[in-house]
């Protein structure tokens, strides 16, 4: 995963994974949500950075769900499974998600 195109988004694969986990763990109603998520992502990401990244994620999802994305570009859809390497990258956060992972990986 080291070859994740950071130049496209300014976020590494690890930062994106931590961001996704943090989004799932931090309640939308929490007043300091973006500060907490930025702290969970770590590095140099600010609350403003993670909030902007969230807006981009929502825009991407809307585009995908609109049906405008040509699904033939990437070939056959592939399953993405959570690995031990993902847990190593995420450290203690990854261990907290083992139960969630076991519910979502029947096809892995």
PDB file of N, CA and C in Angstrom:
ATOM      1  N   UNK A   1       0.803  -1.195   0.000  1.00  0.00           N
ATOM      2  CA  UNK A   1       0.000   0.000   0.000  1.00  0.00           C
ATOM      3  C   UNK A   1       0.853   1.268   0.000  1.00  0.00           C
ATOM      4  N   UNK A   2       2.172   1.110   0.044  1.00  0.00           N
ATOM      5  CA  UNK A   2       3.045   2.273   0.045  1.00  0.00           C
ATOM      6  C   UNK A   2       2.913   3.083  -1.235  1.00  0.00           C
ATOM      7  N   UNK A   3       2.386   2.478  -2.291  1.00  0.00           N
ATOM      8  CA  UNK A   3       2.293   3.161  -3.568  1.00  0.00           C
ATOM      9  C   UNK A   3       0.974   3.901  -3.727  1.00  0.00           C
ATOM     10  N   UNK A   4       0.199   4.058  -2.674  1.00  0.00           N
ATOM     11  CA  UNK A   4      -1.045   4.805  -2.715  1.00  0.00           C
ATOM     12  C   UNK A   4      -0.741   6.195  -3.263  1.00  0.00           C
ATOM     13  N   UNK A   5      -1.514   6.662  -4.237  1.00  0.00           N
ATOM     14  CA  UNK A   5      -1.184   7.935  -4.893  1.00  0.00           C
ATOM     15  C   UNK A   5      -1.434   9.153  -4.006  1.00  0.00           C
ATOM     16  N   UNK A   6      -0.525   9.402  -3.081  1.00  0.00           N
ATOM     17  CA  UNK A   6      -0.652  10.528  -2.158  1.00  0.00           C
ATOM     18  C   UNK A   6      -0.706  11.850  -2.907  1.00  0.00           C
ATOM     19  N   UNK A   7      -0.051  11.894  -4.045  1.00  0.00           N
ATOM     20  CA  UNK A   7      -0.036  13.139  -4.804  1.00  0.00           C
ATOM     21  C   UNK A   7      -1.430  13.528  -5.271  1.00  0.00           C
ATOM     22  N   UNK A   8      -2.322  12.552  -5.410  1.00  0.00           N
ATOM     23  CA  UNK A   8      -3.678  12.853  -5.873  1.00  0.00           C
ATOM     24  C   UNK A   8      -4.518  13.506  -4.788  1.00  0.00           C
ATOM     25  N   UNK A   9      -4.276  13.158  -3.545  1.00  0.00           N
ATOM     26  CA  UNK A   9      -5.143  13.648  -2.482  1.00  0.00           C
ATOM     27  C   UNK A   9      -4.390  14.369  -1.363  1.00  0.00           C
ATOM     28  N   UNK A  10      -3.083  14.210  -1.295  1.00  0.00           N
ATOM     29  CA  UNK A  10      -2.323  14.771  -0.195  1.00  0.00           C
ATOM     30  C   UNK A  10      -2.412  13.931   1.063  1.00  0.00           C
ATOM     31  N   UNK A  11      -3.048  12.776   0.974  1.00  0.00           N
ATOM     32  CA  UNK A  11      -3.228  11.873   2.109  1.00  0.00           C
ATOM     33  C   UNK A  11      -2.617  10.526   1.760  1.00  0.00           C
ATOM     34  N   UNK A  12      -1.857   9.961   2.679  1.00  0.00           N
ATOM     35  CA  UNK A  12      -1.298   8.623   2.472  1.00  0.00           C
ATOM     36  C   UNK A  12      -2.386   7.580   2.690  1.00  0.00           C
ATOM     37  N   UNK A  13      -2.071   6.352   2.298  1.00  0.00           N
ATOM     38  CA  UNK A  13      -3.014   5.252   2.509  1.00  0.00           C
ATOM     39  C   UNK A  13      -3.311   5.100   3.997  1.00  0.00           C
ATOM     40  N   UNK A  14      -2.273   5.172   4.816  1.00  0.00           N
ATOM     41  CA  UNK A  14      -2.446   5.019   6.260  1.00  0.00           C
ATOM     42  C   UNK A  14      -3.323   6.126   6.835  1.00  0.00           C
ATOM     43  N   UNK A  15      -3.094   7.362   6.374  1.00  0.00           N
ATOM     44  CA  UNK A  15      -3.916   8.475   6.850  1.00  0.00           C
ATOM     45  C   UNK A  15      -5.374   8.290   6.446  1.00  0.00           C
ATOM     46  N   UNK A  16      -5.609   7.829   5.233  1.00  0.00           N
ATOM     47  CA  UNK A  16      -6.976   7.580   4.787  1.00  0.00           C
ATOM     48  C   UNK A  16      -7.646   6.494   5.614  1.00  0.00           C
ATOM     49  N   UNK A  17      -6.913   5.443   5.910  1.00  0.00           N
ATOM     50  CA  UNK A  17      -7.467   4.345   6.712  1.00  0.00           C
ATOM     51  C   UNK A  17      -7.807   4.846   8.114  1.00  0.00           C
ATOM     52  N   UNK A  18      -6.903   5.587   8.723  1.00  0.00           N
ATOM     53  CA  UNK A  18      -7.164   6.150  10.051  1.00  0.00           C
ATOM     54  C   UNK A  18      -8.343   7.120  10.012  1.00  0.00           C
ATOM     55  N   UNK A  19      -8.445   7.896   8.955  1.00  0.00           N
ATOM     56  CA  UNK A  19      -9.554   8.822   8.773  1.00  0.00           C
ATOM     57  C   UNK A  19     -10.880   8.063   8.719  1.00  0.00           C
ATOM     58  N   UNK A  20     -10.937   6.984   7.940  1.00  0.00           N
ATOM     59  CA  UNK A  20     -12.155   6.184   7.827  1.00  0.00           C
ATOM     60  C   UNK A  20     -12.554   5.585   9.174  1.00  0.00           C
ATOM     61  N   UNK A  21     -11.582   5.072   9.893  1.00  0.00           N
ATOM     62  CA  UNK A  21     -11.845   4.488  11.208  1.00  0.00           C
ATOM     63  C   UNK A  21     -12.360   5.567  12.163  1.00  0.00           C
ATOM     64  N   UNK A  22     -11.708   6.710  12.152  1.00  0.00           N
ATOM     65  CA  UNK A  22     -12.113   7.803  13.040  1.00  0.00           C
ATOM     66  C   UNK A  22     -13.535   8.266  12.725  1.00  0.00           C
ATOM     67  N   UNK A  23     -13.876   8.355  11.444  1.00  0.00           N
ATOM     68  CA  UNK A  23     -15.241   8.740  11.074  1.00  0.00           C
ATOM     69  C   UNK A  23     -16.264   7.774  11.649  1.00  0.00           C
ATOM     70  N   UNK A  24     -15.920   6.501  11.629  1.00  0.00           N
ATOM     71  CA  UNK A  24     -16.843   5.487  12.145  1.00  0.00           C
ATOM     72  C   UNK A  24     -16.958   5.539  13.666  1.00  0.00           C
ATOM     73  N   UNK A  25     -15.909   5.994  14.336  1.00  0.00           N
ATOM     74  CA  UNK A  25     -15.889   5.953  15.796  1.00  0.00           C
ATOM     75  C   UNK A  25     -16.393   7.238  16.460  1.00  0.00           C
ATOM     76  N   UNK A  26     -16.246   8.373  15.794  1.00  0.00           N
ATOM     77  CA  UNK A  26     -16.587   9.655  16.410  1.00  0.00           C
ATOM     78  C   UNK A  26     -17.990  10.065  15.979  1.00  0.00           C
ATOM     79  N   UNK A  27     -18.852  10.281  16.956  1.00  0.00           N
ATOM     80  CA  UNK A  27     -20.247  10.623  16.699  1.00  0.00           C
ATOM     81  C   UNK A  27     -20.366  11.928  15.904  1.00  0.00           C
ATOM     82  N   UNK A  28     -21.284  11.947  14.959  1.00  0.00           N
ATOM     83  CA  UNK A  28     -21.503  13.141  14.140  1.00  0.00           C
ATOM     84  C   UNK A  28     -21.922  14.344  14.968  1.00  0.00           C
ATOM     85  N   UNK A  29     -22.542  14.110  16.097  1.00  0.00           N
ATOM     86  CA  UNK A  29     -23.052  15.191  16.943  1.00  0.00           C
ATOM     87  C   UNK A  29     -22.016  15.735  17.929  1.00  0.00           C
ATOM     88  N   UNK A  30     -20.850  15.112  17.986  1.00  0.00           N
ATOM     89  CA  UNK A  30     -19.814  15.562  18.918  1.00  0.00           C
ATOM     90  C   UNK A  30     -19.341  16.956  18.500  1.00  0.00           C
ATOM     91  N   UNK A  31     -19.406  17.924  19.410  1.00  0.00           N
ATOM     92  CA  UNK A  31     -19.073  19.317  19.051  1.00  0.00           C
ATOM     93  C   UNK A  31     -17.659  19.504  18.493  1.00  0.00           C
ATOM     94  N   UNK A  32     -16.693  18.766  19.011  1.00  0.00           N
ATOM     95  CA  UNK A  32     -15.317  18.907  18.541  1.00  0.00           C
ATOM     96  C   UNK A  32     -14.914  17.738  17.640  1.00  0.00           C
ATOM     97  N   UNK A  33     -15.872  17.260  16.856  1.00  0.00           N
ATOM     98  CA  UNK A  33     -15.670  16.073  16.019  1.00  0.00           C
ATOM     99  C   UNK A  33     -14.418  16.171  15.148  1.00  0.00           C
ATOM    100  N   UNK A  34     -14.239  17.279  14.462  1.00  0.00           N
ATOM    101  CA  UNK A  34     -13.122  17.373  13.517  1.00  0.00           C
ATOM    102  C   UNK A  34     -11.780  17.432  14.232  1.00  0.00           C
ATOM    103  N   UNK A  35     -11.740  18.029  15.401  1.00  0.00           N
ATOM    104  CA  UNK A  35     -10.499  18.059  16.180  1.00  0.00           C
ATOM    105  C   UNK A  35     -10.141  16.653  16.655  1.00  0.00           C
ATOM    106  N   UNK A  36     -11.145  15.899  17.095  1.00  0.00           N
ATOM    107  CA  UNK A  36     -10.919  14.530  17.569  1.00  0.00           C
ATOM    108  C   UNK A  36     -10.441  13.651  16.418  1.00  0.00           C
ATOM    109  N   UNK A  37     -11.093  13.781  15.266  1.00  0.00           N
ATOM    110  CA  UNK A  37     -10.695  12.977  14.103  1.00  0.00           C
ATOM    111  C   UNK A  37      -9.272  13.343  13.678  1.00  0.00           C
ATOM    112  N   UNK A  38      -8.949  14.640  13.677  1.00  0.00           N
ATOM    113  CA  UNK A  38      -7.589  15.054  13.309  1.00  0.00           C
ATOM    114  C   UNK A  38      -6.568  14.447  14.268  1.00  0.00           C
ATOM    115  N   UNK A  39      -6.894  14.409  15.549  1.00  0.00           N
ATOM    116  CA  UNK A  39      -5.982  13.810  16.532  1.00  0.00           C
ATOM    117  C   UNK A  39      -5.815  12.316  16.288  1.00  0.00           C
ATOM    118  N   UNK A  40      -6.902  11.642  15.895  1.00  0.00           N
ATOM    119  CA  UNK A  40      -6.825  10.205  15.627  1.00  0.00           C
ATOM    120  C   UNK A  40      -6.014   9.915  14.366  1.00  0.00           C
ATOM    121  N   UNK A  41      -6.111  10.795  13.361  1.00  0.00           N
ATOM    122  CA  UNK A  41      -5.332  10.621  12.139  1.00  0.00           C
ATOM    123  C   UNK A  41      -3.856  10.897  12.430  1.00  0.00           C
ATOM    124  N   UNK A  42      -3.611  11.895  13.273  1.00  0.00           N
ATOM    125  CA  UNK A  42      -2.239  12.219  13.645  1.00  0.00           C
ATOM    126  C   UNK A  42      -1.523  12.981  12.552  1.00  0.00           C
ATOM    127  N   UNK A  43      -0.236  13.045  12.679  1.00  0.00           N
ATOM    128  CA  UNK A  43       0.562  13.755  11.684  1.00  0.00           C
ATOM    129  C   UNK A  43       0.273  15.238  11.690  1.00  0.00           C
ATOM    130  N   UNK A  44       0.235  15.802  10.528  1.00  0.00           N
ATOM    131  CA  UNK A  44       0.070  17.244  10.396  1.00  0.00           C
ATOM    132  C   UNK A  44      -1.337  17.634   9.952  1.00  0.00           C
ATOM    133  N   UNK A  45      -2.291  16.737  10.042  1.00  0.00           N
ATOM    134  CA  UNK A  45      -3.653  17.031   9.598  1.00  0.00           C
ATOM    135  C   UNK A  45      -4.388  17.842  10.660  1.00  0.00           C
ATOM    136  N   UNK A  46      -4.953  18.960  10.245  1.00  0.00           N
ATOM    137  CA  UNK A  46      -5.709  19.825  11.151  1.00  0.00           C
ATOM    138  C   UNK A  46      -7.193  19.455  11.094  1.00  0.00           C
ATOM    139  N   UNK A  47      -7.960  20.041  11.989  1.00  0.00           N
ATOM    140  CA  UNK A  47      -9.409  19.841  11.978  1.00  0.00           C
ATOM    141  C   UNK A  47      -9.977  20.310  10.639  1.00  0.00           C
ATOM    142  N   UNK A  48      -9.463  21.407  10.123  1.00  0.00           N
ATOM    143  CA  UNK A  48      -9.924  21.915   8.824  1.00  0.00           C
ATOM    144  C   UNK A  48      -9.571  20.938   7.701  1.00  0.00           C
ATOM    145  N   UNK A  49      -8.380  20.334   7.757  1.00  0.00           N
ATOM    146  CA  UNK A  49      -7.967  19.349   6.751  1.00  0.00           C
ATOM    147  C   UNK A  49      -8.916  18.156   6.717  1.00  0.00           C
ATOM    148  N   UNK A  50      -9.254  17.627   7.897  1.00  0.00           N
ATOM    149  CA  UNK A  50     -10.107  16.434   7.913  1.00  0.00           C
ATOM    150  C   UNK A  50     -11.533  16.779   7.503  1.00  0.00           C
ATOM    151  N   UNK A  51     -12.003  17.969   7.844  1.00  0.00           N
ATOM    152  CA  UNK A  51     -13.350  18.358   7.432  1.00  0.00           C
ATOM    153  C   UNK A  51     -13.411  18.517   5.905  1.00  0.00           C
ATOM    154  N   UNK A  52     -12.386  19.114   5.313  1.00  0.00           N
ATOM    155  CA  UNK A  52     -12.330  19.241   3.856  1.00  0.00           C
ATOM    156  C   UNK A  52     -12.244  17.858   3.194  1.00  0.00           C
ATOM    157  N   UNK A  53     -11.466  16.969   3.795  1.00  0.00           N
ATOM    158  CA  UNK A  53     -11.328  15.609   3.254  1.00  0.00           C
ATOM    159  C   UNK A  53     -12.674  14.889   3.301  1.00  0.00           C
ATOM    160  N   UNK A  54     -13.441  15.142   4.337  1.00  0.00           N
ATOM    161  CA  UNK A  54     -14.780  14.553   4.468  1.00  0.00           C
ATOM    162  C   UNK A  54     -15.697  15.060   3.356  1.00  0.00           C
ATOM    163  N   UNK A  55     -15.637  16.337   3.056  1.00  0.00           N
ATOM    164  CA  UNK A  55     -16.464  16.906   1.984  1.00  0.00           C
ATOM    165  C   UNK A  55     -16.102  16.262   0.647  1.00  0.00           C
ATOM    166  N   UNK A  56     -14.816  16.085   0.389  1.00  0.00           N
ATOM    167  CA  UNK A  56     -14.375  15.428  -0.845  1.00  0.00           C
ATOM    168  C   UNK A  56     -14.883  13.991  -0.889  1.00  0.00           C
ATOM    169  N   UNK A  57     -14.814  13.295   0.237  1.00  0.00           N
ATOM    170  CA  UNK A  57     -15.318  11.923   0.311  1.00  0.00           C
ATOM    171  C   UNK A  57     -16.806  11.878  -0.025  1.00  0.00           C
ATOM    172  N   UNK A  58     -17.589  12.780   0.538  1.00  0.00           N
ATOM    173  CA  UNK A  58     -19.022  12.832   0.247  1.00  0.00           C
ATOM    174  C   UNK A  58     -19.290  13.103  -1.234  1.00  0.00           C
ATOM    175  N   UNK A  59     -18.517  14.010  -1.813  1.00  0.00           N
ATOM    176  CA  UNK A  59     -18.666  14.312  -3.241  1.00  0.00           C
ATOM    177  C   UNK A  59     -18.343  13.081  -4.087  1.00  0.00           C
ATOM    178  N   UNK A  60     -17.283  12.365  -3.731  1.00  0.00           N
ATOM    179  CA  UNK A  60     -16.923  11.139  -4.447  1.00  0.00           C
ATOM    180  C   UNK A  60     -18.036  10.110  -4.351  1.00  0.00           C
ATOM    181  N   UNK A  61     -18.580   9.930  -3.145  1.00  0.00           N
ATOM    182  CA  UNK A  61     -19.656   8.958  -2.962  1.00  0.00           C
ATOM    183  C   UNK A  61     -20.889   9.330  -3.776  1.00  0.00           C
ATOM    184  N   UNK A  62     -21.230  10.612  -3.789  1.00  0.00           N
ATOM    185  CA  UNK A  62     -22.383  11.062  -4.574  1.00  0.00           C
ATOM    186  C   UNK A  62     -22.167  10.789  -6.057  1.00  0.00           C
ATOM    187  N   UNK A  63     -20.958  11.018  -6.531  1.00  0.00           N
ATOM    188  CA  UNK A  63     -20.635  10.769  -7.931  1.00  0.00           C
ATOM    189  C   UNK A  63     -20.749   9.281  -8.249  1.00  0.00           C
ATOM    190  N   UNK A  64     -20.209   8.448  -7.407  1.00  0.00           N
ATOM    191  CA  UNK A  64     -20.262   7.002  -7.616  1.00  0.00           C
ATOM    192  C   UNK A  64     -21.707   6.518  -7.602  1.00  0.00           C
ATOM    193  N   UNK A  65     -22.468   6.962  -6.598  1.00  0.00           N
ATOM    194  CA  UNK A  65     -23.857   6.520  -6.463  1.00  0.00           C
ATOM    195  C   UNK A  65     -24.762   7.079  -7.550  1.00  0.00           C
ATOM    196  N   UNK A  66     -24.354   8.140  -8.216  1.00  0.00           N
ATOM    197  CA  UNK A  66     -25.164   8.721  -9.285  1.00  0.00           C
ATOM    198  C   UNK A  66     -25.194   7.830 -10.521  1.00  0.00           C
ATOM    199  N   UNK A  67     -24.260   6.879 -10.594  1.00  0.00           N
ATOM    200  CA  UNK A  67     -24.193   5.999 -11.754  1.00  0.00           C
ATOM    201  C   UNK A  67     -23.382   6.574 -12.895  1.00  0.00           C
ATOM    202  N   UNK A  68     -22.778   7.732 -12.702  1.00  0.00           N
ATOM    203  CA  UNK A  68     -22.003   8.374 -13.759  1.00  0.00           C
ATOM    204  C   UNK A  68     -20.616   7.766 -13.925  1.00  0.00           C
ATOM    205  N   UNK A  69     -20.178   7.008 -12.944  1.00  0.00           N
ATOM    206  CA  UNK A  69     -18.859   6.389 -13.001  1.00  0.00           C
ATOM    207  C   UNK A  69     -18.922   5.158 -13.881  1.00  0.00           C
ATOM    208  N   UNK A  70     -18.051   5.072 -14.865  1.00  0.00           N
ATOM    209  CA  UNK A  70     -18.002   3.912 -15.747  1.00  0.00           C
ATOM    210  C   UNK A  70     -17.311   2.776 -15.012  1.00  0.00           C
ATOM    211  N   UNK A  71     -18.096   1.825 -14.549  1.00  0.00           N
ATOM    212  CA  UNK A  71     -17.548   0.730 -13.752  1.00  0.00           C
ATOM    213  C   UNK A  71     -16.687  -0.218 -14.574  1.00  0.00           C
ATOM    214  N   UNK A  72     -16.713  -0.105 -15.871  1.00  0.00           N
ATOM    215  CA  UNK A  72     -15.906  -0.980 -16.710  1.00  0.00           C
ATOM    216  C   UNK A  72     -14.445  -0.546 -16.758  1.00  0.00           C
ATOM    217  N   UNK A  73     -14.156   0.670 -16.309  1.00  0.00           N
ATOM    218  CA  UNK A  73     -12.782   1.165 -16.368  1.00  0.00           C
ATOM    219  C   UNK A  73     -11.811   0.312 -15.576  1.00  0.00           C
ATOM    220  N   UNK A  74     -12.216  -0.170 -14.431  1.00  0.00           N
ATOM    221  CA  UNK A  74     -11.315  -0.912 -13.567  1.00  0.00           C
ATOM    222  C   UNK A  74     -11.418  -2.415 -13.717  1.00  0.00           C
ATOM    223  N   UNK A  75     -12.195  -2.892 -14.650  1.00  0.00           N
ATOM    224  CA  UNK A  75     -12.373  -4.327 -14.805  1.00  0.00           C
ATOM    225  C   UNK A  75     -13.393  -4.862 -13.826  1.00  0.00           C
ATOM    226  N   UNK A  76     -13.251  -6.114 -13.480  1.00  0.00           N
ATOM    227  CA  UNK A  76     -14.195  -6.750 -12.564  1.00  0.00           C
ATOM    228  C   UNK A  76     -14.051  -6.184 -11.161  1.00  0.00           C
ATOM    229  N   UNK A  77     -15.178  -6.005 -10.461  1.00  0.00           N
ATOM    230  CA  UNK A  77     -15.078  -5.539  -9.066  1.00  0.00           C
ATOM    231  C   UNK A  77     -14.326  -6.557  -8.224  1.00  0.00           C
ATOM    232  N   UNK A  78     -13.563  -6.049  -7.279  1.00  0.00           N
ATOM    233  CA  UNK A  78     -12.787  -6.916  -6.414  1.00  0.00           C
ATOM    234  C   UNK A  78     -13.167  -6.672  -4.967  1.00  0.00           C
ATOM    235  N   UNK A  79     -13.150  -7.728  -4.189  1.00  0.00           N
ATOM    236  CA  UNK A  79     -13.416  -7.618  -2.767  1.00  0.00           C
ATOM    237  C   UNK A  79     -12.177  -7.063  -2.071  1.00  0.00           C
ATOM    238  N   UNK A  80     -12.408  -6.191  -1.114  1.00  0.00           N
ATOM    239  CA  UNK A  80     -11.305  -5.646  -0.323  1.00  0.00           C
ATOM    240  C   UNK A  80     -11.483  -6.159   1.098  1.00  0.00           C
ATOM    241  N   UNK A  81     -10.487  -6.845   1.588  1.00  0.00           N
ATOM    242  CA  UNK A  81     -10.573  -7.456   2.911  1.00  0.00           C
ATOM    243  C   UNK A  81      -9.611  -6.781   3.881  1.00  0.00           C
ATOM    244  N   UNK A  82     -10.022  -6.728   5.118  1.00  0.00           N
ATOM    245  CA  UNK A  82      -9.206  -6.192   6.212  1.00  0.00           C
ATOM    246  C   UNK A  82      -8.123  -7.206   6.519  1.00  0.00           C
ATOM    247  N   UNK A  83      -6.886  -6.752   6.610  1.00  0.00           N
ATOM    248  CA  UNK A  83      -5.780  -7.686   6.829  1.00  0.00           C
ATOM    249  C   UNK A  83      -5.092  -7.426   8.161  1.00  0.00           C
ATOM    250  N   UNK A  84      -4.228  -8.360   8.553  1.00  0.00           N
ATOM    251  CA  UNK A  84      -3.415  -8.149   9.746  1.00  0.00           C
ATOM    252  C   UNK A  84      -2.518  -6.928   9.575  1.00  0.00           C
ATOM    253  N   UNK A  85      -2.076  -6.685   8.339  1.00  0.00           N
ATOM    254  CA  UNK A  85      -1.266  -5.503   8.070  1.00  0.00           C
ATOM    255  C   UNK A  85      -2.025  -4.224   8.359  1.00  0.00           C
ATOM    256  N   UNK A  86      -3.331  -4.217   8.036  1.00  0.00           N
ATOM    257  CA  UNK A  86      -4.163  -3.050   8.355  1.00  0.00           C
ATOM    258  C   UNK A  86      -4.208  -2.844   9.861  1.00  0.00           C
ATOM    259  N   UNK A  87      -4.362  -3.937  10.604  1.00  0.00           N
ATOM    260  CA  UNK A  87      -4.384  -3.833  12.069  1.00  0.00           C
ATOM    261  C   UNK A  87      -3.066  -3.286  12.600  1.00  0.00           C
ATOM    262  N   UNK A  88      -1.942  -3.720  12.005  1.00  0.00           N
ATOM    263  CA  UNK A  88      -0.634  -3.236  12.442  1.00  0.00           C
ATOM    264  C   UNK A  88      -0.494  -1.742  12.213  1.00  0.00           C
ATOM    265  N   UNK A  89      -0.979  -1.272  11.070  1.00  0.00           N
ATOM    266  CA  UNK A  89      -0.901   0.148  10.752  1.00  0.00           C
ATOM    267  C   UNK A  89      -1.739   0.959  11.725  1.00  0.00           C
ATOM    268  N   UNK A  90      -2.907   0.449  12.038  1.00  0.00           N
ATOM    269  CA  UNK A  90      -3.834   1.194  12.882  1.00  0.00           C
ATOM    270  C   UNK A  90      -3.533   1.054  14.366  1.00  0.00           C
ATOM    271  N   UNK A  91      -2.728   0.098  14.731  1.00  0.00           N
ATOM    272  CA  UNK A  91      -2.364  -0.078  16.136  1.00  0.00           C
ATOM    273  C   UNK A  91      -3.568  -0.369  17.003  1.00  0.00           C
ATOM    274  N   UNK A  92      -3.701   0.330  18.101  1.00  0.00           N
ATOM    275  CA  UNK A  92      -4.765   0.042  19.059  1.00  0.00           C
ATOM    276  C   UNK A  92      -6.141   0.309  18.481  1.00  0.00           C
ATOM    277  N   UNK A  93      -6.268   1.262  17.567  1.00  0.00           N
ATOM    278  CA  UNK A  93      -7.570   1.509  16.952  1.00  0.00           C
ATOM    279  C   UNK A  93      -7.999   0.282  16.164  1.00  0.00           C
ATOM    280  N   UNK A  94      -7.053  -0.332  15.440  1.00  0.00           N
ATOM    281  CA  UNK A  94      -7.372  -1.521  14.651  1.00  0.00           C
ATOM    282  C   UNK A  94      -7.864  -2.669  15.511  1.00  0.00           C
ATOM    283  N   UNK A  95      -7.278  -2.833  16.688  1.00  0.00           N
ATOM    284  CA  UNK A  95      -7.689  -3.920  17.568  1.00  0.00           C
ATOM    285  C   UNK A  95      -9.120  -3.721  18.059  1.00  0.00           C
ATOM    286  N   UNK A  96      -9.539  -2.485  18.227  1.00  0.00           N
ATOM    287  CA  UNK A  96     -10.904  -2.208  18.657  1.00  0.00           C
ATOM    288  C   UNK A  96     -11.914  -2.569  17.574  1.00  0.00           C
ATOM    289  N   UNK A  97     -11.435  -2.668  16.332  1.00  0.00           N
ATOM    290  CA  UNK A  97     -12.344  -2.938  15.224  1.00  0.00           C
ATOM    291  C   UNK A  97     -12.409  -4.405  14.832  1.00  0.00           C
ATOM    292  N   UNK A  98     -11.704  -5.252  15.541  1.00  0.00           N
ATOM    293  CA  UNK A  98     -11.692  -6.673  15.185  1.00  0.00           C
ATOM    294  C   UNK A  98     -13.109  -7.224  15.145  1.00  0.00           C
ATOM    295  N   UNK A  99     -13.925  -6.878  16.124  1.00  0.00           N
ATOM    296  CA  UNK A  99     -15.297  -7.364  16.144  1.00  0.00           C
ATOM    297  C   UNK A  99     -16.057  -6.866  14.924  1.00  0.00           C
ATOM    298  N   UNK A 100     -15.936  -5.590  14.586  1.00  0.00           N
ATOM    299  CA  UNK A 100     -16.607  -5.055  13.402  1.00  0.00           C
ATOM    300  C   UNK A 100     -16.106  -5.748  12.147  1.00  0.00           C
ATOM    301  N   UNK A 101     -14.814  -5.981  12.084  1.00  0.00           N
ATOM    302  CA  UNK A 101     -14.221  -6.647  10.930  1.00  0.00           C
ATOM    303  C   UNK A 101     -14.789  -8.056  10.765  1.00  0.00           C
ATOM    304  N   UNK A 102     -14.932  -8.776  11.833  1.00  0.00           N
ATOM    305  CA  UNK A 102     -15.417 -10.150  11.723  1.00  0.00           C
ATOM    306  C   UNK A 102     -16.857 -10.191  11.223  1.00  0.00           C
ATOM    307  N   UNK A 103     -17.611  -9.116  11.434  1.00  0.00           N
ATOM    308  CA  UNK A 103     -18.987  -9.054  10.949  1.00  0.00           C
ATOM    309  C   UNK A 103     -19.038  -8.712   9.465  1.00  0.00           C
ATOM    310  N   UNK A 104     -17.969  -8.115   8.941  1.00  0.00           N
ATOM    311  CA  UNK A 104     -18.008  -7.575   7.595  1.00  0.00           C
ATOM    312  C   UNK A 104     -17.080  -8.307   6.617  1.00  0.00           C
ATOM    313  N   UNK A 105     -16.553  -9.465   6.982  1.00  0.00           N
ATOM    314  CA  UNK A 105     -15.580 -10.119   6.104  1.00  0.00           C
ATOM    315  C   UNK A 105     -15.968 -11.556   5.777  1.00  0.00           C
ATOM    316  N   UNK A 106     -17.235 -11.821   5.649  1.00  0.00           N
ATOM    317  CA  UNK A 106     -17.671 -13.182   5.356  1.00  0.00           C
ATOM    318  C   UNK A 106     -17.097 -13.681   4.039  1.00  0.00           C
ATOM    319  N   UNK A 107     -16.869 -12.779   3.070  1.00  0.00           N
ATOM    320  CA  UNK A 107     -16.365 -13.189   1.775  1.00  0.00           C
ATOM    321  C   UNK A 107     -14.864 -13.204   1.662  1.00  0.00           C
ATOM    322  N   UNK A 108     -14.136 -12.902   2.697  1.00  0.00           N
ATOM    323  CA  UNK A 108     -12.670 -12.817   2.619  1.00  0.00           C
ATOM    324  C   UNK A 108     -12.029 -14.168   2.818  1.00  0.00           C
TER     325      UNK A 108
END
